[in-house]
PDBML (XML) file of the C-alpha atoms, coordinates in Angstrom:
<?xml version="1.0" encoding="UTF-8" ?>
<PDBx:datablock datablockName="MODEL"
   xmlns:PDBx="http://pdbml.pdb.org/schema/pdbx-v50.xsd"
   xmlns:xsi="http://www.w3.org/2001/XMLSchema-instance"
   xsi:schemaLocation="http://pdbml.pdb.org/schema/pdbx-v50.xsd pdbx-v50.xsd">
   <PDBx:atom_siteCategory>
      <PDBx:atom_site id="1">
         <PDBx:B_iso_or_equiv>0.00</PDBx:B_iso_or_equiv>
         <PDBx:Cartn_x>14.310</PDBx:Cartn_x>
         <PDBx:Cartn_y>-21.914</PDBx:Cartn_y>
         <PDBx:Cartn_z>-70.978</PDBx:Cartn_z>
         <PDBx:auth_asym_id>A</PDBx:auth_asym_id>
         <PDBx:auth_atom_id>CA</PDBx:auth_atom_id>
         <PDBx:auth_comp_id>HIS</PDBx:auth_comp_id>
         <PDBx:auth_seq_id>1</PDBx:auth_seq_id>
         <PDBx:group_PDB>ATOM</PDBx:group_PDB>
         <PDBx:label_alt_id xsi:nil="true" />
         <PDBx:label_asym_id>A</PDBx:label_asym_id>
         <PDBx:label_atom_id>CA</PDBx:label_atom_id>
         <PDBx:label_comp_id>HIS</PDBx:label_comp_id>
         <PDBx:label_entity_id>1</PDBx:label_entity_id>
         <PDBx:label_seq_id>1</PDBx:label_seq_id>
         <PDBx:occupancy>1.00</PDBx:occupancy>
         <PDBx:pdbx_PDB_model_num>1</PDBx:pdbx_PDB_model_num>
         <PDBx:type_symbol>C</PDBx:type_symbol>
      </PDBx:atom_site>
      <PDBx:atom_site id="2">
         <PDBx:B_iso_or_equiv>0.00</PDBx:B_iso_or_equiv>
         <PDBx:Cartn_x>10.745</PDBx:Cartn_x>
         <PDBx:Cartn_y>-21.554</PDBx:Cartn_y>
         <PDBx:Cartn_z>-69.504</PDBx:Cartn_z>
         <PDBx:auth_asym_id>A</PDBx:auth_asym_id>
         <PDBx:auth_atom_id>CA</PDBx:auth_atom_id>
         <PDBx:auth_comp_id>LYS</PDBx:auth_comp_id>
         <PDBx:auth_seq_id>2</PDBx:auth_seq_id>
         <PDBx:group_PDB>ATOM</PDBx:group_PDB>
         <PDBx:label_alt_id xsi:nil="true" />
         <PDBx:label_asym_id>A</PDBx:label_asym_id>
         <PDBx:label_atom_id>CA</PDBx:label_atom_id>
         <PDBx:label_comp_id>LYS</PDBx:label_comp_id>
         <PDBx:label_entity_id>1</PDBx:label_entity_id>
         <PDBx:label_seq_id>2</PDBx:label_seq_id>
         <PDBx:occupancy>1.00</PDBx:occupancy>
         <PDBx:pdbx_PDB_model_num>1</PDBx:pdbx_PDB_model_num>
         <PDBx:type_symbol>C</PDBx:type_symbol>
      </PDBx:atom_site>
      <PDBx:atom_site id="3">
         <PDBx:B_iso_or_equiv>0.00</PDBx:B_iso_or_equiv>
         <PDBx:Cartn_x>9.521</PDBx:Cartn_x>
         <PDBx:Cartn_y>-25.039</PDBx:Cartn_y>
         <PDBx:Cartn_z>-68.643</PDBx:Cartn_z>
         <PDBx:auth_asym_id>A</PDBx:auth_asym_id>
         <PDBx:auth_atom_id>CA</PDBx:auth_atom_id>
         <PDBx:auth_comp_id>VAL</PDBx:auth_comp_id>
         <PDBx:auth_seq_id>3</PDBx:auth_seq_id>
         <PDBx:group_PDB>ATOM</PDBx:group_PDB>
         <PDBx:label_alt_id xsi:nil="true" />
         <PDBx:label_asym_id>A</PDBx:label_asym_id>
         <PDBx:label_atom_id>CA</PDBx:label_atom_id>
         <PDBx:label_comp_id>VAL</PDBx:label_comp_id>
         <PDBx:label_entity_id>1</PDBx:label_entity_id>
         <PDBx:label_seq_id>3</PDBx:label_seq_id>
         <PDBx:occupancy>1.00</PDBx:occupancy>
         <PDBx:pdbx_PDB_model_num>1</PDBx:pdbx_PDB_model_num>
         <PDBx:type_symbol>C</PDBx:type_symbol>
      </PDBx:atom_site>
      <PDBx:atom_site id="4">
         <PDBx:B_iso_or_equiv>0.00</PDBx:B_iso_or_equiv>
         <PDBx:Cartn_x>5.648</PDBx:Cartn_x>
         <PDBx:Cartn_y>-25.495</PDBx:Cartn_y>
         <PDBx:Cartn_z>-70.530</PDBx:Cartn_z>
         <PDBx:auth_asym_id>A</PDBx:auth_asym_id>
         <PDBx:auth_atom_id>CA</PDBx:auth_atom_id>
         <PDBx:auth_comp_id>GLU</PDBx:auth_comp_id>
         <PDBx:auth_seq_id>4</PDBx:auth_seq_id>
         <PDBx:group_PDB>ATOM</PDBx:group_PDB>
         <PDBx:label_alt_id xsi:nil="true" />
         <PDBx:label_asym_id>A</PDBx:label_asym_id>
         <PDBx:label_atom_id>CA</PDBx:label_atom_id>
         <PDBx:label_comp_id>GLU</PDBx:label_comp_id>
         <PDBx:label_entity_id>1</PDBx:label_entity_id>
         <PDBx:label_seq_id>4</PDBx:label_seq_id>
         <PDBx:occupancy>1.00</PDBx:occupancy>
         <PDBx:pdbx_PDB_model_num>1</PDBx:pdbx_PDB_model_num>
         <PDBx:type_symbol>C</PDBx:type_symbol>
      </PDBx:atom_site>
      <PDBx:atom_site id="5">
         <PDBx:B_iso_or_equiv>0.00</PDBx:B_iso_or_equiv>
         <PDBx:Cartn_x>3.200</PDBx:Cartn_x>
         <PDBx:Cartn_y>-27.959</PDBx:Cartn_y>
         <PDBx:Cartn_z>-69.966</PDBx:Cartn_z>
         <PDBx:auth_asym_id>A</PDBx:auth_asym_id>
         <PDBx:auth_atom_id>CA</PDBx:auth_atom_id>
         <PDBx:auth_comp_id>ARG</PDBx:auth_comp_id>
         <PDBx:auth_seq_id>5</PDBx:auth_seq_id>
         <PDBx:group_PDB>ATOM</PDBx:group_PDB>
         <PDBx:label_alt_id xsi:nil="true" />
         <PDBx:label_asym_id>A</PDBx:label_asym_id>
         <PDBx:label_atom_id>CA</PDBx:label_atom_id>
         <PDBx:label_comp_id>ARG</PDBx:label_comp_id>
         <PDBx:label_entity_id>1</PDBx:label_entity_id>
         <PDBx:label_seq_id>5</PDBx:label_seq_id>
         <PDBx:occupancy>1.00</PDBx:occupancy>
         <PDBx:pdbx_PDB_model_num>1</PDBx:pdbx_PDB_model_num>
         <PDBx:type_symbol>C</PDBx:type_symbol>
      </PDBx:atom_site>
      <PDBx:atom_site id="6">
         <PDBx:B_iso_or_equiv>0.00</PDBx:B_iso_or_equiv>
         <PDBx:Cartn_x>4.245</PDBx:Cartn_x>
         <PDBx:Cartn_y>-31.406</PDBx:Cartn_y>
         <PDBx:Cartn_z>-71.145</PDBx:Cartn_z>
         <PDBx:auth_asym_id>A</PDBx:auth_asym_id>
         <PDBx:auth_atom_id>CA</PDBx:auth_atom_id>
         <PDBx:auth_comp_id>GLY</PDBx:auth_comp_id>
         <PDBx:auth_seq_id>6</PDBx:auth_seq_id>
         <PDBx:group_PDB>ATOM</PDBx:group_PDB>
         <PDBx:label_alt_id xsi:nil="true" />
         <PDBx:label_asym_id>A</PDBx:label_asym_id>
         <PDBx:label_atom_id>CA</PDBx:label_atom_id>
         <PDBx:label_comp_id>GLY</PDBx:label_comp_id>
         <PDBx:label_entity_id>1</PDBx:label_entity_id>
         <PDBx:label_seq_id>6</PDBx:label_seq_id>
         <PDBx:occupancy>1.00</PDBx:occupancy>
         <PDBx:pdbx_PDB_model_num>1</PDBx:pdbx_PDB_model_num>
         <PDBx:type_symbol>C</PDBx:type_symbol>
      </PDBx:atom_site>
      <PDBx:atom_site id="7">
         <PDBx:B_iso_or_equiv>0.00</PDBx:B_iso_or_equiv>
         <PDBx:Cartn_x>8.084</PDBx:Cartn_x>
         <PDBx:Cartn_y>-30.887</PDBx:Cartn_y>
         <PDBx:Cartn_z>-71.393</PDBx:Cartn_z>
         <PDBx:auth_asym_id>A</PDBx:auth_asym_id>
         <PDBx:auth_atom_id>CA</PDBx:auth_atom_id>
         <PDBx:auth_comp_id>GLU</PDBx:auth_comp_id>
         <PDBx:auth_seq_id>7</PDBx:auth_seq_id>
         <PDBx:group_PDB>ATOM</PDBx:group_PDB>
         <PDBx:label_alt_id xsi:nil="true" />
         <PDBx:label_asym_id>A</PDBx:label_asym_id>
         <PDBx:label_atom_id>CA</PDBx:label_atom_id>
         <PDBx:label_comp_id>GLU</PDBx:label_comp_id>
         <PDBx:label_entity_id>1</PDBx:label_entity_id>
         <PDBx:label_seq_id>7</PDBx:label_seq_id>
         <PDBx:occupancy>1.00</PDBx:occupancy>
         <PDBx:pdbx_PDB_model_num>1</PDBx:pdbx_PDB_model_num>
         <PDBx:type_symbol>C</PDBx:type_symbol>
      </PDBx:atom_site>
      <PDBx:atom_site id="8">
         <PDBx:B_iso_or_equiv>0.00</PDBx:B_iso_or_equiv>
         <PDBx:Cartn_x>10.577</PDBx:Cartn_x>
         <PDBx:Cartn_y>-32.885</PDBx:Cartn_y>
         <PDBx:Cartn_z>-69.361</PDBx:Cartn_z>
         <PDBx:auth_asym_id>A</PDBx:auth_asym_id>
         <PDBx:auth_atom_id>CA</PDBx:auth_atom_id>
         <PDBx:auth_comp_id>THR</PDBx:auth_comp_id>
         <PDBx:auth_seq_id>8</PDBx:auth_seq_id>
         <PDBx:group_PDB>ATOM</PDBx:group_PDB>
         <PDBx:label_alt_id xsi:nil="true" />
         <PDBx:label_asym_id>A</PDBx:label_asym_id>
         <PDBx:label_atom_id>CA</PDBx:label_atom_id>
         <PDBx:label_comp_id>THR</PDBx:label_comp_id>
         <PDBx:label_entity_id>1</PDBx:label_entity_id>
         <PDBx:label_seq_id>8</PDBx:label_seq_id>
         <PDBx:occupancy>1.00</PDBx:occupancy>
         <PDBx:pdbx_PDB_model_num>1</PDBx:pdbx_PDB_model_num>
         <PDBx:type_symbol>C</PDBx:type_symbol>
      </PDBx:atom_site>
      <PDBx:atom_site id="9">
         <PDBx:B_iso_or_equiv>0.00</PDBx:B_iso_or_equiv>
         <PDBx:Cartn_x>14.443</PDBx:Cartn_x>
         <PDBx:Cartn_y>-32.707</PDBx:Cartn_y>
         <PDBx:Cartn_z>-68.818</PDBx:Cartn_z>
         <PDBx:auth_asym_id>A</PDBx:auth_asym_id>
         <PDBx:auth_atom_id>CA</PDBx:auth_atom_id>
         <PDBx:auth_comp_id>ALA</PDBx:auth_comp_id>
         <PDBx:auth_seq_id>9</PDBx:auth_seq_id>
         <PDBx:group_PDB>ATOM</PDBx:group_PDB>
         <PDBx:label_alt_id xsi:nil="true" />
         <PDBx:label_asym_id>A</PDBx:label_asym_id>
         <PDBx:label_atom_id>CA</PDBx:label_atom_id>
         <PDBx:label_comp_id>ALA</PDBx:label_comp_id>
         <PDBx:label_entity_id>1</PDBx:label_entity_id>
         <PDBx:label_seq_id>9</PDBx:label_seq_id>
         <PDBx:occupancy>1.00</PDBx:occupancy>
         <PDBx:pdbx_PDB_model_num>1</PDBx:pdbx_PDB_model_num>
         <PDBx:type_symbol>C</PDBx:type_symbol>
      </PDBx:atom_site>
      <PDBx:atom_site id="10">
         <PDBx:B_iso_or_equiv>0.00</PDBx:B_iso_or_equiv>
         <PDBx:Cartn_x>15.052</PDBx:Cartn_x>
         <PDBx:Cartn_y>-35.083</PDBx:Cartn_y>
         <PDBx:Cartn_z>-71.772</PDBx:Cartn_z>
         <PDBx:auth_asym_id>A</PDBx:auth_asym_id>
         <PDBx:auth_atom_id>CA</PDBx:auth_atom_id>
         <PDBx:auth_comp_id>PHE</PDBx:auth_comp_id>
         <PDBx:auth_seq_id>10</PDBx:auth_seq_id>
         <PDBx:group_PDB>ATOM</PDBx:group_PDB>
         <PDBx:label_alt_id xsi:nil="true" />
         <PDBx:label_asym_id>A</PDBx:label_asym_id>
         <PDBx:label_atom_id>CA</PDBx:label_atom_id>
         <PDBx:label_comp_id>PHE</PDBx:label_comp_id>
         <PDBx:label_entity_id>1</PDBx:label_entity_id>
         <PDBx:label_seq_id>10</PDBx:label_seq_id>
         <PDBx:occupancy>1.00</PDBx:occupancy>
         <PDBx:pdbx_PDB_model_num>1</PDBx:pdbx_PDB_model_num>
         <PDBx:type_symbol>C</PDBx:type_symbol>
      </PDBx:atom_site>
      <PDBx:atom_site id="11">
         <PDBx:B_iso_or_equiv>0.00</PDBx:B_iso_or_equiv>
         <PDBx:Cartn_x>12.761</PDBx:Cartn_x>
         <PDBx:Cartn_y>-33.253</PDBx:Cartn_y>
         <PDBx:Cartn_z>-74.179</PDBx:Cartn_z>
         <PDBx:auth_asym_id>A</PDBx:auth_asym_id>
         <PDBx:auth_atom_id>CA</PDBx:auth_atom_id>
         <PDBx:auth_comp_id>THR</PDBx:auth_comp_id>
         <PDBx:auth_seq_id>11</PDBx:auth_seq_id>
         <PDBx:group_PDB>ATOM</PDBx:group_PDB>
         <PDBx:label_alt_id xsi:nil="true" />
         <PDBx:label_asym_id>A</PDBx:label_asym_id>
         <PDBx:label_atom_id>CA</PDBx:label_atom_id>
         <PDBx:label_comp_id>THR</PDBx:label_comp_id>
         <PDBx:label_entity_id>1</PDBx:label_entity_id>
         <PDBx:label_seq_id>11</PDBx:label_seq_id>
         <PDBx:occupancy>1.00</PDBx:occupancy>
         <PDBx:pdbx_PDB_model_num>1</PDBx:pdbx_PDB_model_num>
         <PDBx:type_symbol>C</PDBx:type_symbol>
      </PDBx:atom_site>
      <PDBx:atom_site id="12">
         <PDBx:B_iso_or_equiv>0.00</PDBx:B_iso_or_equiv>
         <PDBx:Cartn_x>14.636</PDBx:Cartn_x>
         <PDBx:Cartn_y>-29.862</PDBx:Cartn_y>
         <PDBx:Cartn_z>-73.089</PDBx:Cartn_z>
         <PDBx:auth_asym_id>A</PDBx:auth_asym_id>
         <PDBx:auth_atom_id>CA</PDBx:auth_atom_id>
         <PDBx:auth_comp_id>ILE</PDBx:auth_comp_id>
         <PDBx:auth_seq_id>12</PDBx:auth_seq_id>
         <PDBx:group_PDB>ATOM</PDBx:group_PDB>
         <PDBx:label_alt_id xsi:nil="true" />
         <PDBx:label_asym_id>A</PDBx:label_asym_id>
         <PDBx:label_atom_id>CA</PDBx:label_atom_id>
         <PDBx:label_comp_id>ILE</PDBx:label_comp_id>
         <PDBx:label_entity_id>1</PDBx:label_entity_id>
         <PDBx:label_seq_id>12</PDBx:label_seq_id>
         <PDBx:occupancy>1.00</PDBx:occupancy>
         <PDBx:pdbx_PDB_model_num>1</PDBx:pdbx_PDB_model_num>
         <PDBx:type_symbol>C</PDBx:type_symbol>
      </PDBx:atom_site>
      <PDBx:atom_site id="13">
         <PDBx:B_iso_or_equiv>0.00</PDBx:B_iso_or_equiv>
         <PDBx:Cartn_x>17.942</PDBx:Cartn_x>
         <PDBx:Cartn_y>-31.600</PDBx:Cartn_y>
         <PDBx:Cartn_z>-73.297</PDBx:Cartn_z>
         <PDBx:auth_asym_id>A</PDBx:auth_asym_id>
         <PDBx:auth_atom_id>CA</PDBx:auth_atom_id>
         <PDBx:auth_comp_id>ALA</PDBx:auth_comp_id>
         <PDBx:auth_seq_id>13</PDBx:auth_seq_id>
         <PDBx:group_PDB>ATOM</PDBx:group_PDB>
         <PDBx:label_alt_id xsi:nil="true" />
         <PDBx:label_asym_id>A</PDBx:label_asym_id>
         <PDBx:label_atom_id>CA</PDBx:label_atom_id>
         <PDBx:label_comp_id>ALA</PDBx:label_comp_id>
         <PDBx:label_entity_id>1</PDBx:label_entity_id>
         <PDBx:label_seq_id>13</PDBx:label_seq_id>
         <PDBx:occupancy>1.00</PDBx:occupancy>
         <PDBx:pdbx_PDB_model_num>1</PDBx:pdbx_PDB_model_num>
         <PDBx:type_symbol>C</PDBx:type_symbol>
      </PDBx:atom_site>
      <PDBx:atom_site id="14">
         <PDBx:B_iso_or_equiv>0.00</PDBx:B_iso_or_equiv>
         <PDBx:Cartn_x>17.386</PDBx:Cartn_x>
         <PDBx:Cartn_y>-32.769</PDBx:Cartn_y>
         <PDBx:Cartn_z>-76.568</PDBx:Cartn_z>
         <PDBx:auth_asym_id>A</PDBx:auth_asym_id>
         <PDBx:auth_atom_id>CA</PDBx:auth_atom_id>
         <PDBx:auth_comp_id>ARG</PDBx:auth_comp_id>
         <PDBx:auth_seq_id>14</PDBx:auth_seq_id>
         <PDBx:group_PDB>ATOM</PDBx:group_PDB>
         <PDBx:label_alt_id xsi:nil="true" />
         <PDBx:label_asym_id>A</PDBx:label_asym_id>
         <PDBx:label_atom_id>CA</PDBx:label_atom_id>
         <PDBx:label_comp_id>ARG</PDBx:label_comp_id>
         <PDBx:label_entity_id>1</PDBx:label_entity_id>
         <PDBx:label_seq_id>14</PDBx:label_seq_id>
         <PDBx:occupancy>1.00</PDBx:occupancy>
         <PDBx:pdbx_PDB_model_num>1</PDBx:pdbx_PDB_model_num>
         <PDBx:type_symbol>C</PDBx:type_symbol>
      </PDBx:atom_site>
      <PDBx:atom_site id="15">
         <PDBx:B_iso_or_equiv>0.00</PDBx:B_iso_or_equiv>
         <PDBx:Cartn_x>16.158</PDBx:Cartn_x>
         <PDBx:Cartn_y>-29.506</PDBx:Cartn_y>
         <PDBx:Cartn_z>-77.852</PDBx:Cartn_z>
         <PDBx:auth_asym_id>A</PDBx:auth_asym_id>
         <PDBx:auth_atom_id>CA</PDBx:auth_atom_id>
         <PDBx:auth_comp_id>LEU</PDBx:auth_comp_id>
         <PDBx:auth_seq_id>15</PDBx:auth_seq_id>
         <PDBx:group_PDB>ATOM</PDBx:group_PDB>
         <PDBx:label_alt_id xsi:nil="true" />
         <PDBx:label_asym_id>A</PDBx:label_asym_id>
         <PDBx:label_atom_id>CA</PDBx:label_atom_id>
         <PDBx:label_comp_id>LEU</PDBx:label_comp_id>
         <PDBx:label_entity_id>1</PDBx:label_entity_id>
         <PDBx:label_seq_id>15</PDBx:label_seq_id>
         <PDBx:occupancy>1.00</PDBx:occupancy>
         <PDBx:pdbx_PDB_model_num>1</PDBx:pdbx_PDB_model_num>
         <PDBx:type_symbol>C</PDBx:type_symbol>
      </PDBx:atom_site>
      <PDBx:atom_site id="16">
         <PDBx:B_iso_or_equiv>0.00</PDBx:B_iso_or_equiv>
         <PDBx:Cartn_x>19.443</PDBx:Cartn_x>
         <PDBx:Cartn_y>-27.637</PDBx:Cartn_y>
         <PDBx:Cartn_z>-76.910</PDBx:Cartn_z>
         <PDBx:auth_asym_id>A</PDBx:auth_asym_id>
         <PDBx:auth_atom_id>CA</PDBx:auth_atom_id>
         <PDBx:auth_comp_id>TYR</PDBx:auth_comp_id>
         <PDBx:auth_seq_id>16</PDBx:auth_seq_id>
         <PDBx:group_PDB>ATOM</PDBx:group_PDB>
         <PDBx:label_alt_id xsi:nil="true" />
         <PDBx:label_asym_id>A</PDBx:label_asym_id>
         <PDBx:label_atom_id>CA</PDBx:label_atom_id>
         <PDBx:label_comp_id>TYR</PDBx:label_comp_id>
         <PDBx:label_entity_id>1</PDBx:label_entity_id>
         <PDBx:label_seq_id>16</PDBx:label_seq_id>
         <PDBx:occupancy>1.00</PDBx:occupancy>
         <PDBx:pdbx_PDB_model_num>1</PDBx:pdbx_PDB_model_num>
         <PDBx:type_symbol>C</PDBx:type_symbol>
      </PDBx:atom_site>
      <PDBx:atom_site id="17">
         <PDBx:B_iso_or_equiv>0.00</PDBx:B_iso_or_equiv>
         <PDBx:Cartn_x>21.691</PDBx:Cartn_x>
         <PDBx:Cartn_y>-30.928</PDBx:Cartn_y>
         <PDBx:Cartn_z>-77.580</PDBx:Cartn_z>
         <PDBx:auth_asym_id>A</PDBx:auth_asym_id>
         <PDBx:auth_atom_id>CA</PDBx:auth_atom_id>
         <PDBx:auth_comp_id>ASP</PDBx:auth_comp_id>
         <PDBx:auth_seq_id>17</PDBx:auth_seq_id>
         <PDBx:group_PDB>ATOM</PDBx:group_PDB>
         <PDBx:label_alt_id xsi:nil="true" />
         <PDBx:label_asym_id>A</PDBx:label_asym_id>
         <PDBx:label_atom_id>CA</PDBx:label_atom_id>
         <PDBx:label_comp_id>ASP</PDBx:label_comp_id>
         <PDBx:label_entity_id>1</PDBx:label_entity_id>
         <PDBx:label_seq_id>17</PDBx:label_seq_id>
         <PDBx:occupancy>1.00</PDBx:occupancy>
         <PDBx:pdbx_PDB_model_num>1</PDBx:pdbx_PDB_model_num>
         <PDBx:type_symbol>C</PDBx:type_symbol>
      </PDBx:atom_site>
      <PDBx:atom_site id="18">
         <PDBx:B_iso_or_equiv>0.00</PDBx:B_iso_or_equiv>
         <PDBx:Cartn_x>23.272</PDBx:Cartn_x>
         <PDBx:Cartn_y>-31.099</PDBx:Cartn_y>
         <PDBx:Cartn_z>-74.125</PDBx:Cartn_z>
         <PDBx:auth_asym_id>A</PDBx:auth_asym_id>
         <PDBx:auth_atom_id>CA</PDBx:auth_atom_id>
         <PDBx:auth_comp_id>VAL</PDBx:auth_comp_id>
         <PDBx:auth_seq_id>18</PDBx:auth_seq_id>
         <PDBx:group_PDB>ATOM</PDBx:group_PDB>
         <PDBx:label_alt_id xsi:nil="true" />
         <PDBx:label_asym_id>A</PDBx:label_asym_id>
         <PDBx:label_atom_id>CA</PDBx:label_atom_id>
         <PDBx:label_comp_id>VAL</PDBx:label_comp_id>
         <PDBx:label_entity_id>1</PDBx:label_entity_id>
         <PDBx:label_seq_id>18</PDBx:label_seq_id>
         <PDBx:occupancy>1.00</PDBx:occupancy>
         <PDBx:pdbx_PDB_model_num>1</PDBx:pdbx_PDB_model_num>
         <PDBx:type_symbol>C</PDBx:type_symbol>
      </PDBx:atom_site>
      <PDBx:atom_site id="19">
         <PDBx:B_iso_or_equiv>0.00</PDBx:B_iso_or_equiv>
         <PDBx:Cartn_x>22.960</PDBx:Cartn_x>
         <PDBx:Cartn_y>-34.414</PDBx:Cartn_y>
         <PDBx:Cartn_z>-71.695</PDBx:Cartn_z>
         <PDBx:auth_asym_id>A</PDBx:auth_asym_id>
         <PDBx:auth_atom_id>CA</PDBx:auth_atom_id>
         <PDBx:auth_comp_id>SER</PDBx:auth_comp_id>
         <PDBx:auth_seq_id>19</PDBx:auth_seq_id>
         <PDBx:group_PDB>ATOM</PDBx:group_PDB>
         <PDBx:label_alt_id xsi:nil="true" />
         <PDBx:label_asym_id>A</PDBx:label_asym_id>
         <PDBx:label_atom_id>CA</PDBx:label_atom_id>
         <PDBx:label_comp_id>SER</PDBx:label_comp_id>
         <PDBx:label_entity_id>1</PDBx:label_entity_id>
         <PDBx:label_seq_id>19</PDBx:label_seq_id>
         <PDBx:occupancy>1.00</PDBx:occupancy>
         <PDBx:pdbx_PDB_model_num>1</PDBx:pdbx_PDB_model_num>
         <PDBx:type_symbol>C</PDBx:type_symbol>
      </PDBx:atom_site>
      <PDBx:atom_site id="20">
         <PDBx:B_iso_or_equiv>0.00</PDBx:B_iso_or_equiv>
         <PDBx:Cartn_x>20.151</PDBx:Cartn_x>
         <PDBx:Cartn_y>-34.561</PDBx:Cartn_y>
         <PDBx:Cartn_z>-69.260</PDBx:Cartn_z>
         <PDBx:auth_asym_id>A</PDBx:auth_asym_id>
         <PDBx:auth_atom_id>CA</PDBx:auth_atom_id>
         <PDBx:auth_comp_id>PRO</PDBx:auth_comp_id>
         <PDBx:auth_seq_id>20</PDBx:auth_seq_id>
         <PDBx:group_PDB>ATOM</PDBx:group_PDB>
         <PDBx:label_alt_id xsi:nil="true" />
         <PDBx:label_asym_id>A</PDBx:label_asym_id>
         <PDBx:label_atom_id>CA</PDBx:label_atom_id>
         <PDBx:label_comp_id>PRO</PDBx:label_comp_id>
         <PDBx:label_entity_id>1</PDBx:label_entity_id>
         <PDBx:label_seq_id>20</PDBx:label_seq_id>
         <PDBx:occupancy>1.00</PDBx:occupancy>
         <PDBx:pdbx_PDB_model_num>1</PDBx:pdbx_PDB_model_num>
         <PDBx:type_symbol>C</PDBx:type_symbol>
      </PDBx:atom_site>
      <PDBx:atom_site id="21">
         <PDBx:B_iso_or_equiv>0.00</PDBx:B_iso_or_equiv>
         <PDBx:Cartn_x>22.692</PDBx:Cartn_x>
         <PDBx:Cartn_y>-34.881</PDBx:Cartn_y>
         <PDBx:Cartn_z>-66.450</PDBx:Cartn_z>
         <PDBx:auth_asym_id>A</PDBx:auth_asym_id>
         <PDBx:auth_atom_id>CA</PDBx:auth_atom_id>
         <PDBx:auth_comp_id>ARG</PDBx:auth_comp_id>
         <PDBx:auth_seq_id>21</PDBx:auth_seq_id>
         <PDBx:group_PDB>ATOM</PDBx:group_PDB>
         <PDBx:label_alt_id xsi:nil="true" />
         <PDBx:label_asym_id>A</PDBx:label_asym_id>
         <PDBx:label_atom_id>CA</PDBx:label_atom_id>
         <PDBx:label_comp_id>ARG</PDBx:label_comp_id>
         <PDBx:label_entity_id>1</PDBx:label_entity_id>
         <PDBx:label_seq_id>21</PDBx:label_seq_id>
         <PDBx:occupancy>1.00</PDBx:occupancy>
         <PDBx:pdbx_PDB_model_num>1</PDBx:pdbx_PDB_model_num>
         <PDBx:type_symbol>C</PDBx:type_symbol>
      </PDBx:atom_site>
      <PDBx:atom_site id="22">
         <PDBx:B_iso_or_equiv>0.00</PDBx:B_iso_or_equiv>
         <PDBx:Cartn_x>24.474</PDBx:Cartn_x>
         <PDBx:Cartn_y>-31.733</PDBx:Cartn_y>
         <PDBx:Cartn_z>-67.278</PDBx:Cartn_z>
         <PDBx:auth_asym_id>A</PDBx:auth_asym_id>
         <PDBx:auth_atom_id>CA</PDBx:auth_atom_id>
         <PDBx:auth_comp_id>SER</PDBx:auth_comp_id>
         <PDBx:auth_seq_id>22</PDBx:auth_seq_id>
         <PDBx:group_PDB>ATOM</PDBx:group_PDB>
         <PDBx:label_alt_id xsi:nil="true" />
         <PDBx:label_asym_id>A</PDBx:label_asym_id>
         <PDBx:label_atom_id>CA</PDBx:label_atom_id>
         <PDBx:label_comp_id>SER</PDBx:label_comp_id>
         <PDBx:label_entity_id>1</PDBx:label_entity_id>
         <PDBx:label_seq_id>22</PDBx:label_seq_id>
         <PDBx:occupancy>1.00</PDBx:occupancy>
         <PDBx:pdbx_PDB_model_num>1</PDBx:pdbx_PDB_model_num>
         <PDBx:type_symbol>C</PDBx:type_symbol>
      </PDBx:atom_site>
      <PDBx:atom_site id="23">
         <PDBx:B_iso_or_equiv>0.00</PDBx:B_iso_or_equiv>
         <PDBx:Cartn_x>20.766</PDBx:Cartn_x>
         <PDBx:Cartn_y>-29.953</PDBx:Cartn_y>
         <PDBx:Cartn_z>-67.206</PDBx:Cartn_z>
         <PDBx:auth_asym_id>A</PDBx:auth_asym_id>
         <PDBx:auth_atom_id>CA</PDBx:auth_atom_id>
         <PDBx:auth_comp_id>LEU</PDBx:auth_comp_id>
         <PDBx:auth_seq_id>23</PDBx:auth_seq_id>
         <PDBx:group_PDB>ATOM</PDBx:group_PDB>
         <PDBx:label_alt_id xsi:nil="true" />
         <PDBx:label_asym_id>A</PDBx:label_asym_id>
         <PDBx:label_atom_id>CA</PDBx:label_atom_id>
         <PDBx:label_comp_id>LEU</PDBx:label_comp_id>
         <PDBx:label_entity_id>1</PDBx:label_entity_id>
         <PDBx:label_seq_id>23</PDBx:label_seq_id>
         <PDBx:occupancy>1.00</PDBx:occupancy>
         <PDBx:pdbx_PDB_model_num>1</PDBx:pdbx_PDB_model_num>
         <PDBx:type_symbol>C</PDBx:type_symbol>
      </PDBx:atom_site>
      <PDBx:atom_site id="24">
         <PDBx:B_iso_or_equiv>0.00</PDBx:B_iso_or_equiv>
         <PDBx:Cartn_x>20.016</PDBx:Cartn_x>
         <PDBx:Cartn_y>-31.567</PDBx:Cartn_y>
         <PDBx:Cartn_z>-63.663</PDBx:Cartn_z>
         <PDBx:auth_asym_id>A</PDBx:auth_asym_id>
         <PDBx:auth_atom_id>CA</PDBx:auth_atom_id>
         <PDBx:auth_comp_id>ALA</PDBx:auth_comp_id>
         <PDBx:auth_seq_id>24</PDBx:auth_seq_id>
         <PDBx:group_PDB>ATOM</PDBx:group_PDB>
         <PDBx:label_alt_id xsi:nil="true" />
         <PDBx:label_asym_id>A</PDBx:label_asym_id>
         <PDBx:label_atom_id>CA</PDBx:label_atom_id>
         <PDBx:label_comp_id>ALA</PDBx:label_comp_id>
         <PDBx:label_entity_id>1</PDBx:label_entity_id>
         <PDBx:label_seq_id>24</PDBx:label_seq_id>
         <PDBx:occupancy>1.00</PDBx:occupancy>
         <PDBx:pdbx_PDB_model_num>1</PDBx:pdbx_PDB_model_num>
         <PDBx:type_symbol>C</PDBx:type_symbol>
      </PDBx:atom_site>
   </PDBx:atom_siteCategory>
</PDBx:datablock>
């Protein structure tokens, strides 16, 4: 996933239904 302006780890984690901690 390429981060776009305004996106956060929490919004990206919600998009793919994974936890922010695992994404980090």
